[in-house]
Structure formats: structure tokens, C-alpha cells
Amino acid sequence: MPLMLILLWQHIIHIGAHYGVNPLLFAVLYLAHHPLFWGTMAWLAARVRRKQPSAGVIALGVFFWFLPYTYVFVFGRGLPWWIYALAAAAIAAGGTHAVREIRRRLYSKA
């Protein structure tokens, strides 16, 4: 099993080098964007409850949501079409879930 994981990691590194994307950096950005995004959404919820302007907080949340995918799109070279489709599906599914969760939390505590 460990040998298989090592071979898989080497394959991922090779593919990343071929397309100009560092898989480790993408993984770090992907893991880091979740707490940053949800922290921003908690800040947004507090601002909405206090009826304060929230456009900047929304923009910051969107930035954090797109961060790992933006890295791939900016630095990736010659990516296949299905990478863009997969990223779009991940962004749409995750965004839809996030909006539903935020609305549910805002309206349940209002």
C-alpha cells in the first residue's frame, strides 16, 4: 500500500510539472481556502445582522472561494478541457452549498 501511494504521488508530481502546476501548492491553497472562506462568511453574517455594509466582505469571500482554482487557471499551461469543466463543477457545487448554508444560518437566527 505505501509503495502504491508513493507511485501515485510521483505520478501527480509528474503531471503537475507537465502542466505547470505545483500539486502541493494547490493542495495547500485548497485546504487553506476553507477556513478562510467560512471565517469570512461568519464575519458576513455578523455584519448582516448588524445591518452594516457587506459588499467588501462578500468580495473577500468570493476571492477565498476561487483562490485554489485561480492558481490552476493562471499558472497552468495546456490544460485539457475537462480540467476547466471539473473546476467549474466544483465551484458551482461548492458555491451552491455555501449559499444555502449561509442563508439557512442567517434566517434561522434572525
PDB file of N, CA and C in Angstrom:
ATOM      1  N   MET A   1       0.819  -1.208   0.000  1.00  0.00           N
ATOM      2  CA  MET A   1       0.000   0.000   0.000  1.00  0.00           C
ATOM      3  C   MET A   1       0.855   1.262   0.000  1.00  0.00           C
ATOM      4  N   PRO A   2       1.865   1.397   0.894  1.00  0.00           N
ATOM      5  CA  PRO A   2       2.677   2.616   0.873  1.00  0.00           C
ATOM      6  C   PRO A   2       3.392   2.828  -0.468  1.00  0.00           C
ATOM      7  N   LEU A   3       3.855   1.742  -1.096  1.00  0.00           N
ATOM      8  CA  LEU A   3       4.519   1.875  -2.382  1.00  0.00           C
ATOM      9  C   LEU A   3       3.548   2.429  -3.420  1.00  0.00           C
ATOM     10  N   MET A   4       2.314   1.974  -3.370  1.00  0.00           N
ATOM     11  CA  MET A   4       1.311   2.466  -4.302  1.00  0.00           C
ATOM     12  C   MET A   4       1.072   3.966  -4.103  1.00  0.00           C
ATOM     13  N   LEU A   5       1.032   4.419  -2.853  1.00  0.00           N
ATOM     14  CA  LEU A   5       0.847   5.845  -2.575  1.00  0.00           C
ATOM     15  C   LEU A   5       2.039   6.663  -3.058  1.00  0.00           C
ATOM     16  N   ILE A   6       3.230   6.139  -2.884  1.00  0.00           N
ATOM     17  CA  ILE A   6       4.432   6.831  -3.361  1.00  0.00           C
ATOM     18  C   ILE A   6       4.399   6.947  -4.877  1.00  0.00           C
ATOM     19  N   LEU A   7       4.036   5.875  -5.545  1.00  0.00           N
ATOM     20  CA  LEU A   7       3.950   5.906  -7.010  1.00  0.00           C
ATOM     21  C   LEU A   7       2.862   6.870  -7.474  1.00  0.00           C
ATOM     22  N   LEU A   8       1.755   6.896  -6.776  1.00  0.00           N
ATOM     23  CA  LEU A   8       0.682   7.833  -7.126  1.00  0.00           C
ATOM     24  C   LEU A   8       1.149   9.270  -6.954  1.00  0.00           C
ATOM     25  N   TRP A   9       1.839   9.560  -5.852  1.00  0.00           N
ATOM     26  CA  TRP A   9       2.353  10.917  -5.611  1.00  0.00           C
ATOM     27  C   TRP A   9       3.366  11.308  -6.686  1.00  0.00           C
ATOM     28  N   GLN A  10       4.246  10.390  -7.085  1.00  0.00           N
ATOM     29  CA  GLN A  10       5.213  10.680  -8.143  1.00  0.00           C
ATOM     30  C   GLN A  10       4.497  10.973  -9.459  1.00  0.00           C
ATOM     31  N   HIS A  11       3.445  10.244  -9.719  1.00  0.00           N
ATOM     32  CA  HIS A  11       2.659  10.471 -10.941  1.00  0.00           C
ATOM     33  C   HIS A  11       1.994  11.856 -10.899  1.00  0.00           C
ATOM     34  N   ILE A  12       1.446  12.220  -9.759  1.00  0.00           N
ATOM     35  CA  ILE A  12       0.810  13.533  -9.607  1.00  0.00           C
ATOM     36  C   ILE A  12       1.839  14.642  -9.788  1.00  0.00           C
ATOM     37  N   ILE A  13       3.020  14.485  -9.225  1.00  0.00           N
ATOM     38  CA  ILE A  13       4.098  15.474  -9.382  1.00  0.00           C
ATOM     39  C   ILE A  13       4.471  15.606 -10.857  1.00  0.00           C
ATOM     40  N   HIS A  14       4.581  14.480 -11.547  1.00  0.00           N
ATOM     41  CA  HIS A  14       4.931  14.492 -12.972  1.00  0.00           C
ATOM     42  C   HIS A  14       3.872  15.222 -13.797  1.00  0.00           C
ATOM     43  N   ILE A  15       2.616  14.930 -13.540  1.00  0.00           N
ATOM     44  CA  ILE A  15       1.530  15.596 -14.263  1.00  0.00           C
ATOM     45  C   ILE A  15       1.530  17.092 -13.950  1.00  0.00           C
ATOM     46  N   GLY A  16       1.725  17.438 -12.692  1.00  0.00           N
ATOM     47  CA  GLY A  16       1.778  18.847 -12.316  1.00  0.00           C
ATOM     48  C   GLY A  16       2.894  19.581 -13.029  1.00  0.00           C
ATOM     49  N   ALA A  17       4.066  18.972 -13.115  1.00  0.00           N
ATOM     50  CA  ALA A  17       5.197  19.591 -13.817  1.00  0.00           C
ATOM     51  C   ALA A  17       4.882  19.751 -15.298  1.00  0.00           C
ATOM     52  N   HIS A  18       4.211  18.774 -15.870  1.00  0.00           N
ATOM     53  CA  HIS A  18       3.851  18.843 -17.293  1.00  0.00           C
ATOM     54  C   HIS A  18       2.918  20.021 -17.572  1.00  0.00           C
ATOM     55  N   TYR A  19       1.978  20.280 -16.668  1.00  0.00           N
ATOM     56  CA  TYR A  19       1.004  21.360 -16.870  1.00  0.00           C
ATOM     57  C   TYR A  19       1.383  22.661 -16.165  1.00  0.00           C
ATOM     58  N   GLY A  20       2.510  22.695 -15.487  1.00  0.00           N
ATOM     59  CA  GLY A  20       2.974  23.923 -14.844  1.00  0.00           C
ATOM     60  C   GLY A  20       2.289  24.257 -13.536  1.00  0.00           C
ATOM     61  N   VAL A  21       1.743  23.258 -12.877  1.00  0.00           N
ATOM     62  CA  VAL A  21       1.038  23.473 -11.614  1.00  0.00           C
ATOM     63  C   VAL A  21       1.707  22.625 -10.541  1.00  0.00           C
ATOM     64  N   ASN A  22       1.987  23.233  -9.411  1.00  0.00           N
ATOM     65  CA  ASN A  22       2.571  22.510  -8.288  1.00  0.00           C
ATOM     66  C   ASN A  22       1.429  21.896  -7.472  1.00  0.00           C
ATOM     67  N   PRO A  23       1.290  20.570  -7.482  1.00  0.00           N
ATOM     68  CA  PRO A  23       0.174  19.948  -6.766  1.00  0.00           C
ATOM     69  C   PRO A  23       0.194  20.197  -5.265  1.00  0.00           C
ATOM     70  N   LEU A  24       1.376  20.315  -4.683  1.00  0.00           N
ATOM     71  CA  LEU A  24       1.458  20.581  -3.252  1.00  0.00           C
ATOM     72  C   LEU A  24       0.934  21.984  -2.938  1.00  0.00           C
ATOM     73  N   LEU A  25       1.301  22.964  -3.752  1.00  0.00           N
ATOM     74  CA  LEU A  25       0.800  24.323  -3.557  1.00  0.00           C
ATOM     75  C   LEU A  25      -0.716  24.372  -3.745  1.00  0.00           C
ATOM     76  N   PHE A  26      -1.222  23.657  -4.763  1.00  0.00           N
ATOM     77  CA  PHE A  26      -2.674  23.612  -4.954  1.00  0.00           C
ATOM     78  C   PHE A  26      -3.349  22.998  -3.733  1.00  0.00           C
ATOM     79  N   ALA A  27      -2.800  21.922  -3.204  1.00  0.00           N
ATOM     80  CA  ALA A  27      -3.390  21.277  -2.029  1.00  0.00           C
ATOM     81  C   ALA A  27      -3.396  22.214  -0.827  1.00  0.00           C
ATOM     82  N   VAL A  28      -2.300  22.951  -0.631  1.00  0.00           N
ATOM     83  CA  VAL A  28      -2.241  23.902   0.478  1.00  0.00           C
ATOM     84  C   VAL A  28      -3.286  24.999   0.291  1.00  0.00           C
ATOM     85  N   LEU A  29      -3.382  25.546  -0.920  1.00  0.00           N
ATOM     86  CA  LEU A  29      -4.384  26.580  -1.188  1.00  0.00           C
ATOM     87  C   LEU A  29      -5.798  26.036  -0.999  1.00  0.00           C
ATOM     88  N   TYR A  30      -6.020  24.812  -1.455  1.00  0.00           N
ATOM     89  CA  TYR A  30      -7.347  24.215  -1.337  1.00  0.00           C
ATOM     90  C   TYR A  30      -7.721  24.000   0.130  1.00  0.00           C
ATOM     91  N   LEU A  31      -6.792  23.500   0.915  1.00  0.00           N
ATOM     92  CA  LEU A  31      -7.074  23.269   2.332  1.00  0.00           C
ATOM     93  C   LEU A  31      -7.197  24.582   3.097  1.00  0.00           C
ATOM     94  N   ALA A  32      -6.420  25.580   2.710  1.00  0.00           N
ATOM     95  CA  ALA A  32      -6.454  26.867   3.409  1.00  0.00           C
ATOM     96  C   ALA A  32      -7.688  27.689   3.058  1.00  0.00           C
ATOM     97  N   HIS A  33      -8.249  27.486   1.876  1.00  0.00           N
ATOM     98  CA  HIS A  33      -9.363  28.345   1.487  1.00  0.00           C
ATOM     99  C   HIS A  33     -10.636  28.048   2.273  1.00  0.00           C
ATOM    100  N   HIS A  34     -10.782  26.861   2.791  1.00  0.00           N
ATOM    101  CA  HIS A  34     -11.999  26.538   3.555  1.00  0.00           C
ATOM    102  C   HIS A  34     -12.133  27.347   4.842  1.00  0.00           C
ATOM    103  N   PRO A  35     -11.154  27.325   5.743  1.00  0.00           N
ATOM    104  CA  PRO A  35     -11.334  28.133   6.963  1.00  0.00           C
ATOM    105  C   PRO A  35     -11.369  29.634   6.668  1.00  0.00           C
ATOM    106  N   LEU A  36     -10.606  30.073   5.672  1.00  0.00           N
ATOM    107  CA  LEU A  36     -10.639  31.494   5.317  1.00  0.00           C
ATOM    108  C   LEU A  36     -12.021  31.894   4.796  1.00  0.00           C
ATOM    109  N   PHE A  37     -12.583  31.055   3.932  1.00  0.00           N
ATOM    110  CA  PHE A  37     -13.902  31.345   3.379  1.00  0.00           C
ATOM    111  C   PHE A  37     -14.971  31.332   4.466  1.00  0.00           C
ATOM    112  N   TRP A  38     -14.995  30.288   5.289  1.00  0.00           N
ATOM    113  CA  TRP A  38     -16.047  30.193   6.306  1.00  0.00           C
ATOM    114  C   TRP A  38     -15.868  31.245   7.400  1.00  0.00           C
ATOM    115  N   GLY A  39     -14.635  31.628   7.689  1.00  0.00           N
ATOM    116  CA  GLY A  39     -14.421  32.734   8.621  1.00  0.00           C
ATOM    117  C   GLY A  39     -14.972  34.039   8.071  1.00  0.00           C
ATOM    118  N   THR A  40     -14.774  34.248   6.782  1.00  0.00           N
ATOM    119  CA  THR A  40     -15.321  35.436   6.131  1.00  0.00           C
ATOM    120  C   THR A  40     -16.846  35.397   6.139  1.00  0.00           C
ATOM    121  N   MET A  41     -17.408  34.218   5.953  1.00  0.00           N
ATOM    122  CA  MET A  41     -18.873  34.110   5.956  1.00  0.00           C
ATOM    123  C   MET A  41     -19.442  34.364   7.351  1.00  0.00           C
ATOM    124  N   ALA A  42     -18.726  33.958   8.388  1.00  0.00           N
ATOM    125  CA  ALA A  42     -19.175  34.273   9.753  1.00  0.00           C
ATOM    126  C   ALA A  42     -19.134  35.780   9.980  1.00  0.00           C
ATOM    127  N   TRP A  43     -18.103  36.415   9.478  1.00  0.00           N
ATOM    128  CA  TRP A  43     -17.981  37.865   9.557  1.00  0.00           C
ATOM    129  C   TRP A  43     -19.125  38.527   8.787  1.00  0.00           C
ATOM    130  N   LEU A  44     -19.448  37.975   7.615  1.00  0.00           N
ATOM    131  CA  LEU A  44     -20.561  38.500   6.814  1.00  0.00           C
ATOM    132  C   LEU A  44     -21.878  38.377   7.572  1.00  0.00           C
ATOM    133  N   ALA A  45     -22.107  37.240   8.187  1.00  0.00           N
ATOM    134  CA  ALA A  45     -23.354  37.041   8.932  1.00  0.00           C
ATOM    135  C   ALA A  45     -23.479  38.060  10.061  1.00  0.00           C
ATOM    136  N   ALA A  46     -22.382  38.318  10.756  1.00  0.00           N
ATOM    137  CA  ALA A  46     -22.413  39.305  11.841  1.00  0.00           C
ATOM    138  C   ALA A  46     -22.720  40.697  11.292  1.00  0.00           C
ATOM    139  N   ARG A  47     -22.128  41.037  10.159  1.00  0.00           N
ATOM    140  CA  ARG A  47     -22.370  42.352   9.560  1.00  0.00           C
ATOM    141  C   ARG A  47     -23.812  42.482   9.065  1.00  0.00           C
ATOM    142  N   VAL A  48     -24.359  41.420   8.516  1.00  0.00           N
ATOM    143  CA  VAL A  48     -25.747  41.458   8.033  1.00  0.00           C
ATOM    144  C   VAL A  48     -26.697  41.627   9.218  1.00  0.00           C
ATOM    145  N   ARG A  49     -26.454  40.912  10.294  1.00  0.00           N
ATOM    146  CA  ARG A  49     -27.320  41.041  11.473  1.00  0.00           C
ATOM    147  C   ARG A  49     -27.273  42.442  12.066  1.00  0.00           C
ATOM    148  N   ARG A  50     -26.098  43.085  11.992  1.00  0.00           N
ATOM    149  CA  ARG A  50     -25.971  44.450  12.499  1.00  0.00           C
ATOM    150  C   ARG A  50     -26.369  45.500  11.460  1.00  0.00           C
ATOM    151  N   LYS A  51     -26.795  45.010  10.276  1.00  0.00           N
ATOM    152  CA  LYS A  51     -27.216  45.880   9.169  1.00  0.00           C
ATOM    153  C   LYS A  51     -26.099  46.834   8.740  1.00  0.00           C
ATOM    154  N   GLN A  52     -24.878  46.321   8.689  1.00  0.00           N
ATOM    155  CA  GLN A  52     -23.726  47.082   8.224  1.00  0.00           C
ATOM    156  C   GLN A  52     -23.443  46.731   6.771  1.00  0.00           C
ATOM    157  N   PRO A  53     -22.762  47.609   6.036  1.00  0.00           N
ATOM    158  CA  PRO A  53     -22.412  47.303   4.644  1.00  0.00           C
ATOM    159  C   PRO A  53     -21.575  46.021   4.562  1.00  0.00           C
ATOM    160  N   SER A  54     -21.833  45.223   3.553  1.00  0.00           N
ATOM    161  CA  SER A  54     -21.161  43.929   3.497  1.00  0.00           C
ATOM    162  C   SER A  54     -20.566  43.604   2.131  1.00  0.00           C
ATOM    163  N   ALA A  55     -20.542  44.535   1.198  1.00  0.00           N
ATOM    164  CA  ALA A  55     -20.034  44.248  -0.153  1.00  0.00           C
ATOM    165  C   ALA A  55     -18.561  43.834  -0.117  1.00  0.00           C
ATOM    166  N   GLY A  56     -17.753  44.492   0.677  1.00  0.00           N
ATOM    167  CA  GLY A  56     -16.335  44.145   0.767  1.00  0.00           C
ATOM    168  C   GLY A  56     -16.113  42.754   1.334  1.00  0.00           C
ATOM    169  N   VAL A  57     -16.912  42.392   2.314  1.00  0.00           N
ATOM    170  CA  VAL A  57     -16.791  41.061   2.920  1.00  0.00           C
ATOM    171  C   VAL A  57     -17.212  39.986   1.914  1.00  0.00           C
ATOM    172  N   ILE A  58     -18.246  40.271   1.142  1.00  0.00           N
ATOM    173  CA  ILE A  58     -18.679  39.329   0.105  1.00  0.00           C
ATOM    174  C   ILE A  58     -17.574  39.154  -0.928  1.00  0.00           C
ATOM    175  N   ALA A  59     -16.960  40.261  -1.358  1.00  0.00           N
ATOM    176  CA  ALA A  59     -15.867  40.188  -2.332  1.00  0.00           C
ATOM    177  C   ALA A  59     -14.696  39.370  -1.782  1.00  0.00           C
ATOM    178  N   LEU A  60     -14.383  39.544  -0.517  1.00  0.00           N
ATOM    179  CA  LEU A  60     -13.308  38.780   0.105  1.00  0.00           C
ATOM    180  C   LEU A  60     -13.660  37.290   0.148  1.00  0.00           C
ATOM    181  N   GLY A  61     -14.898  36.970   0.466  1.00  0.00           N
ATOM    182  CA  GLY A  61     -15.331  35.573   0.475  1.00  0.00           C
ATOM    183  C   GLY A  61     -15.241  34.937  -0.905  1.00  0.00           C
ATOM    184  N   VAL A  62     -15.643  35.669  -1.930  1.00  0.00           N
ATOM    185  CA  VAL A  62     -15.551  35.155  -3.303  1.00  0.00           C
ATOM    186  C   VAL A  62     -14.084  34.934  -3.676  1.00  0.00           C
ATOM    187  N   PHE A  63     -13.220  35.879  -3.290  1.00  0.00           N
ATOM    188  CA  PHE A  63     -11.790  35.724  -3.554  1.00  0.00           C
ATOM    189  C   PHE A  63     -11.262  34.434  -2.928  1.00  0.00           C
ATOM    190  N   PHE A  64     -11.596  34.196  -1.668  1.00  0.00           N
ATOM    191  CA  PHE A  64     -11.122  32.982  -0.997  1.00  0.00           C
ATOM    192  C   PHE A  64     -11.703  31.728  -1.644  1.00  0.00           C
ATOM    193  N   TRP A  65     -12.955  31.807  -2.116  1.00  0.00           N
ATOM    194  CA  TRP A  65     -13.587  30.635  -2.717  1.00  0.00           C
ATOM    195  C   TRP A  65     -12.890  30.237  -4.015  1.00  0.00           C
ATOM    196  N   PHE A  66     -12.497  31.224  -4.824  1.00  0.00           N
ATOM    197  CA  PHE A  66     -11.877  30.950  -6.115  1.00  0.00           C
ATOM    198  C   PHE A  66     -10.362  30.775  -6.052  1.00  0.00           C
ATOM    199  N   LEU A  67      -9.749  31.037  -4.916  1.00  0.00           N
ATOM    200  CA  LEU A  67      -8.295  31.071  -4.801  1.00  0.00           C
ATOM    201  C   LEU A  67      -7.578  29.840  -5.360  1.00  0.00           C
ATOM    202  N   PRO A  68      -7.881  28.614  -4.953  1.00  0.00           N
ATOM    203  CA  PRO A  68      -7.105  27.485  -5.477  1.00  0.00           C
ATOM    204  C   PRO A  68      -7.320  27.269  -6.977  1.00  0.00           C
ATOM    205  N   TYR A  69      -8.533  27.506  -7.448  1.00  0.00           N
ATOM    206  CA  TYR A  69      -8.815  27.306  -8.868  1.00  0.00           C
ATOM    207  C   TYR A  69      -8.155  28.393  -9.713  1.00  0.00           C
ATOM    208  N   THR A  70      -8.090  29.596  -9.178  1.00  0.00           N
ATOM    209  CA  THR A  70      -7.430  30.685  -9.888  1.00  0.00           C
ATOM    210  C   THR A  70      -5.953  30.363 -10.077  1.00  0.00           C
ATOM    211  N   TYR A  71      -5.339  29.776  -9.070  1.00  0.00           N
ATOM    212  CA  TYR A  71      -3.935  29.374  -9.201  1.00  0.00           C
ATOM    213  C   TYR A  71      -3.757  28.437 -10.394  1.00  0.00           C
ATOM    214  N   VAL A  72      -4.612  27.451 -10.515  1.00  0.00           N
ATOM    215  CA  VAL A  72      -4.505  26.492 -11.618  1.00  0.00           C
ATOM    216  C   VAL A  72      -4.729  27.193 -12.956  1.00  0.00           C
ATOM    217  N   PHE A  73      -5.733  28.059 -13.038  1.00  0.00           N
ATOM    218  CA  PHE A  73      -6.040  28.721 -14.304  1.00  0.00           C
ATOM    219  C   PHE A  73      -4.964  29.718 -14.718  1.00  0.00           C
ATOM    220  N   VAL A  74      -4.341  30.383 -13.755  1.00  0.00           N
ATOM    221  CA  VAL A  74      -3.317  31.386 -14.078  1.00  0.00           C
ATOM    222  C   VAL A  74      -1.987  30.726 -14.445  1.00  0.00           C
ATOM    223  N   PHE A  75      -1.575  29.711 -13.707  1.00  0.00           N
ATOM    224  CA  PHE A  75      -0.262  29.126 -13.917  1.00  0.00           C
ATOM    225  C   PHE A  75      -0.269  27.841 -14.732  1.00  0.00           C
ATOM    226  N   GLY A  76      -1.424  27.238 -14.941  1.00  0.00           N
ATOM    227  CA  GLY A  76      -1.496  26.010 -15.726  1.00  0.00           C
ATOM    228  C   GLY A  76      -1.274  26.290 -17.204  1.00  0.00           C
ATOM    229  N   ARG A  77      -0.560  25.387 -17.877  1.00  0.00           N
ATOM    230  CA  ARG A  77      -0.292  25.524 -19.306  1.00  0.00           C
ATOM    231  C   ARG A  77      -0.828  24.300 -20.033  1.00  0.00           C
ATOM    232  N   GLY A  78      -1.616  24.536 -21.070  1.00  0.00           N
ATOM    233  CA  GLY A  78      -2.097  23.432 -21.899  1.00  0.00           C
ATOM    234  C   GLY A  78      -3.017  22.477 -21.164  1.00  0.00           C
ATOM    235  N   LEU A  79      -3.824  22.990 -20.262  1.00  0.00           N
ATOM    236  CA  LEU A  79      -4.733  22.127 -19.509  1.00  0.00           C
ATOM    237  C   LEU A  79      -5.814  21.557 -20.424  1.00  0.00           C
ATOM    238  N   PRO A  80      -6.182  20.289 -20.238  1.00  0.00           N
ATOM    239  CA  PRO A  80      -7.265  19.721 -21.031  1.00  0.00           C
ATOM    240  C   PRO A  80      -8.604  20.384 -20.677  1.00  0.00           C
ATOM    241  N   TRP A  81      -9.553  20.318 -21.594  1.00  0.00           N
ATOM    242  CA  TRP A  81     -10.852  20.975 -21.409  1.00  0.00           C
ATOM    243  C   TRP A  81     -11.567  20.448 -20.173  1.00  0.00           C
ATOM    244  N   TRP A  82     -11.386  19.160 -19.862  1.00  0.00           N
ATOM    245  CA  TRP A  82     -12.132  18.587 -18.746  1.00  0.00           C
ATOM    246  C   TRP A  82     -11.663  19.130 -17.393  1.00  0.00           C
ATOM    247  N   ILE A  83     -10.452  19.684 -17.322  1.00  0.00           N
ATOM    248  CA  ILE A  83      -9.994  20.319 -16.076  1.00  0.00           C
ATOM    249  C   ILE A  83     -10.853  21.552 -15.797  1.00  0.00           C
ATOM    250  N   TYR A  84     -11.100  22.346 -16.848  1.00  0.00           N
ATOM    251  CA  TYR A  84     -11.948  23.526 -16.688  1.00  0.00           C
ATOM    252  C   TYR A  84     -13.376  23.124 -16.305  1.00  0.00           C
ATOM    253  N   ALA A  85     -13.896  22.068 -16.931  1.00  0.00           N
ATOM    254  CA  ALA A  85     -15.245  21.592 -16.613  1.00  0.00           C
ATOM    255  C   ALA A  85     -15.315  21.087 -15.173  1.00  0.00           C
ATOM    256  N   LEU A  86     -14.296  20.359 -14.750  1.00  0.00           N
ATOM    257  CA  LEU A  86     -14.270  19.836 -13.383  1.00  0.00           C
ATOM    258  C   LEU A  86     -14.186  20.972 -12.364  1.00  0.00           C
ATOM    259  N   ALA A  87     -13.345  21.963 -12.641  1.00  0.00           N
ATOM    260  CA  ALA A  87     -13.221  23.104 -11.735  1.00  0.00           C
ATOM    261  C   ALA A  87     -14.527  23.896 -11.687  1.00  0.00           C
ATOM    262  N   ALA A  88     -15.160  24.097 -12.835  1.00  0.00           N
ATOM    263  CA  ALA A  88     -16.437  24.814 -12.866  1.00  0.00           C
ATOM    264  C   ALA A  88     -17.501  24.062 -12.065  1.00  0.00           C
ATOM    265  N   ALA A  89     -17.526  22.743 -12.190  1.00  0.00           N
ATOM    266  CA  ALA A  89     -18.497  21.947 -11.438  1.00  0.00           C
ATOM    267  C   ALA A  89     -18.215  22.035  -9.937  1.00  0.00           C
ATOM    268  N   ALA A  90     -16.951  21.983  -9.549  1.00  0.00           N
ATOM    269  CA  ALA A  90     -16.589  22.077  -8.127  1.00  0.00           C
ATOM    270  C   ALA A  90     -16.953  23.452  -7.574  1.00  0.00           C
ATOM    271  N   ILE A  91     -16.684  24.499  -8.336  1.00  0.00           N
ATOM    272  CA  ILE A  91     -17.015  25.854  -7.902  1.00  0.00           C
ATOM    273  C   ILE A  91     -18.521  26.013  -7.768  1.00  0.00           C
ATOM    274  N   ALA A  92     -19.263  25.526  -8.758  1.00  0.00           N
ATOM    275  CA  ALA A  92     -20.727  25.668  -8.735  1.00  0.00           C
ATOM    276  C   ALA A  92     -21.346  24.860  -7.598  1.00  0.00           C
ATOM    277  N   ALA A  93     -20.928  23.615  -7.427  1.00  0.00           N
ATOM    278  CA  ALA A  93     -21.499  22.776  -6.375  1.00  0.00           C
ATOM    279  C   ALA A  93     -21.153  23.325  -4.993  1.00  0.00           C
ATOM    280  N   GLY A  94     -19.912  23.667  -4.805  1.00  0.00           N
ATOM    281  CA  GLY A  94     -19.499  24.212  -3.506  1.00  0.00           C
ATOM    282  C   GLY A  94     -20.133  25.554  -3.221  1.00  0.00           C
ATOM    283  N   GLY A  95     -20.214  26.395  -4.236  1.00  0.00           N
ATOM    284  CA  GLY A  95     -20.845  27.704  -4.069  1.00  0.00           C
ATOM    285  C   GLY A  95     -22.323  27.594  -3.733  1.00  0.00           C
ATOM    286  N   THR A  96     -23.013  26.691  -4.414  1.00  0.00           N
ATOM    287  CA  THR A  96     -24.432  26.473  -4.135  1.00  0.00           C
ATOM    288  C   THR A  96     -24.626  26.004  -2.698  1.00  0.00           C
ATOM    289  N   HIS A  97     -23.799  25.071  -2.272  1.00  0.00           N
ATOM    290  CA  HIS A  97     -23.887  24.585  -0.891  1.00  0.00           C
ATOM    291  C   HIS A  97     -23.605  25.724   0.096  1.00  0.00           C
ATOM    292  N   ALA A  98     -22.592  26.525  -0.195  1.00  0.00           N
ATOM    293  CA  ALA A  98     -22.232  27.621   0.705  1.00  0.00           C
ATOM    294  C   ALA A  98     -23.361  28.640   0.814  1.00  0.00           C
ATOM    295  N   VAL A  99     -23.959  29.005  -0.307  1.00  0.00           N
ATOM    296  CA  VAL A  99     -25.055  29.989  -0.288  1.00  0.00           C
ATOM    297  C   VAL A  99     -26.237  29.444   0.509  1.00  0.00           C
ATOM    298  N   ARG A 100     -26.586  28.182   0.290  1.00  0.00           N
ATOM    299  CA  ARG A 100     -27.699  27.579   1.037  1.00  0.00           C
ATOM    300  C   ARG A 100     -27.423  27.554   2.537  1.00  0.00           C
ATOM    301  N   GLU A 101     -26.193  27.187   2.883  1.00  0.00           N
ATOM    302  CA  GLU A 101     -25.820  27.107   4.301  1.00  0.00           C
ATOM    303  C   GLU A 101     -25.841  28.491   4.948  1.00  0.00           C
ATOM    304  N   ILE A 102     -25.337  29.475   4.248  1.00  0.00           N
ATOM    305  CA  ILE A 102     -25.322  30.840   4.787  1.00  0.00           C
ATOM    306  C   ILE A 102     -26.747  31.350   4.966  1.00  0.00           C
ATOM    307  N   ARG A 103     -27.586  31.152   3.968  1.00  0.00           N
ATOM    308  CA  ARG A 103     -28.989  31.593   4.072  1.00  0.00           C
ATOM    309  C   ARG A 103     -29.694  30.887   5.226  1.00  0.00           C
ATOM    310  N   ARG A 104     -29.456  29.589   5.345  1.00  0.00           N
ATOM    311  CA  ARG A 104     -30.101  28.834   6.424  1.00  0.00           C
ATOM    312  C   ARG A 104     -29.686  29.380   7.779  1.00  0.00           C
ATOM    313  N   ARG A 105     -28.416  29.660   7.948  1.00  0.00           N
ATOM    314  CA  ARG A 105     -27.933  30.161   9.238  1.00  0.00           C
ATOM    315  C   ARG A 105     -28.397  31.590   9.500  1.00  0.00           C
ATOM    316  N   LEU A 106     -28.442  32.407   8.463  1.00  0.00           N
ATOM    317  CA  LEU A 106     -28.890  33.790   8.667  1.00  0.00           C
ATOM    318  C   LEU A 106     -30.368  33.846   9.051  1.00  0.00           C
ATOM    319  N   TYR A 107     -31.184  33.059   8.352  1.00  0.00           N
ATOM    320  CA  TYR A 107     -32.621  33.139   8.585  1.00  0.00           C
ATOM    321  C   TYR A 107     -33.070  32.362   9.813  1.00  0.00           C
ATOM    322  N   SER A 108     -32.280  31.367  10.238  1.00  0.00           N
ATOM    323  CA  SER A 108     -32.687  30.607  11.424  1.00  0.00           C
ATOM    324  C   SER A 108     -32.386  31.367  12.720  1.00  0.00           C
ATOM    325  N   LYS A 109     -31.434  32.293  12.677  1.00  0.00           N
ATOM    326  CA  LYS A 109     -31.066  33.026  13.890  1.00  0.00           C
ATOM    327  C   LYS A 109     -31.560  34.460  13.860  1.00  0.00           C
ATOM    328  N   ALA A 110     -32.281  34.829  12.827  1.00  0.00           N
ATOM    329  CA  ALA A 110     -32.751  36.223  12.721  1.00  0.00           C
ATOM    330  C   ALA A 110     -33.911  36.498  13.633  1.00  0.00           C
TER     331      ALA A 110
END
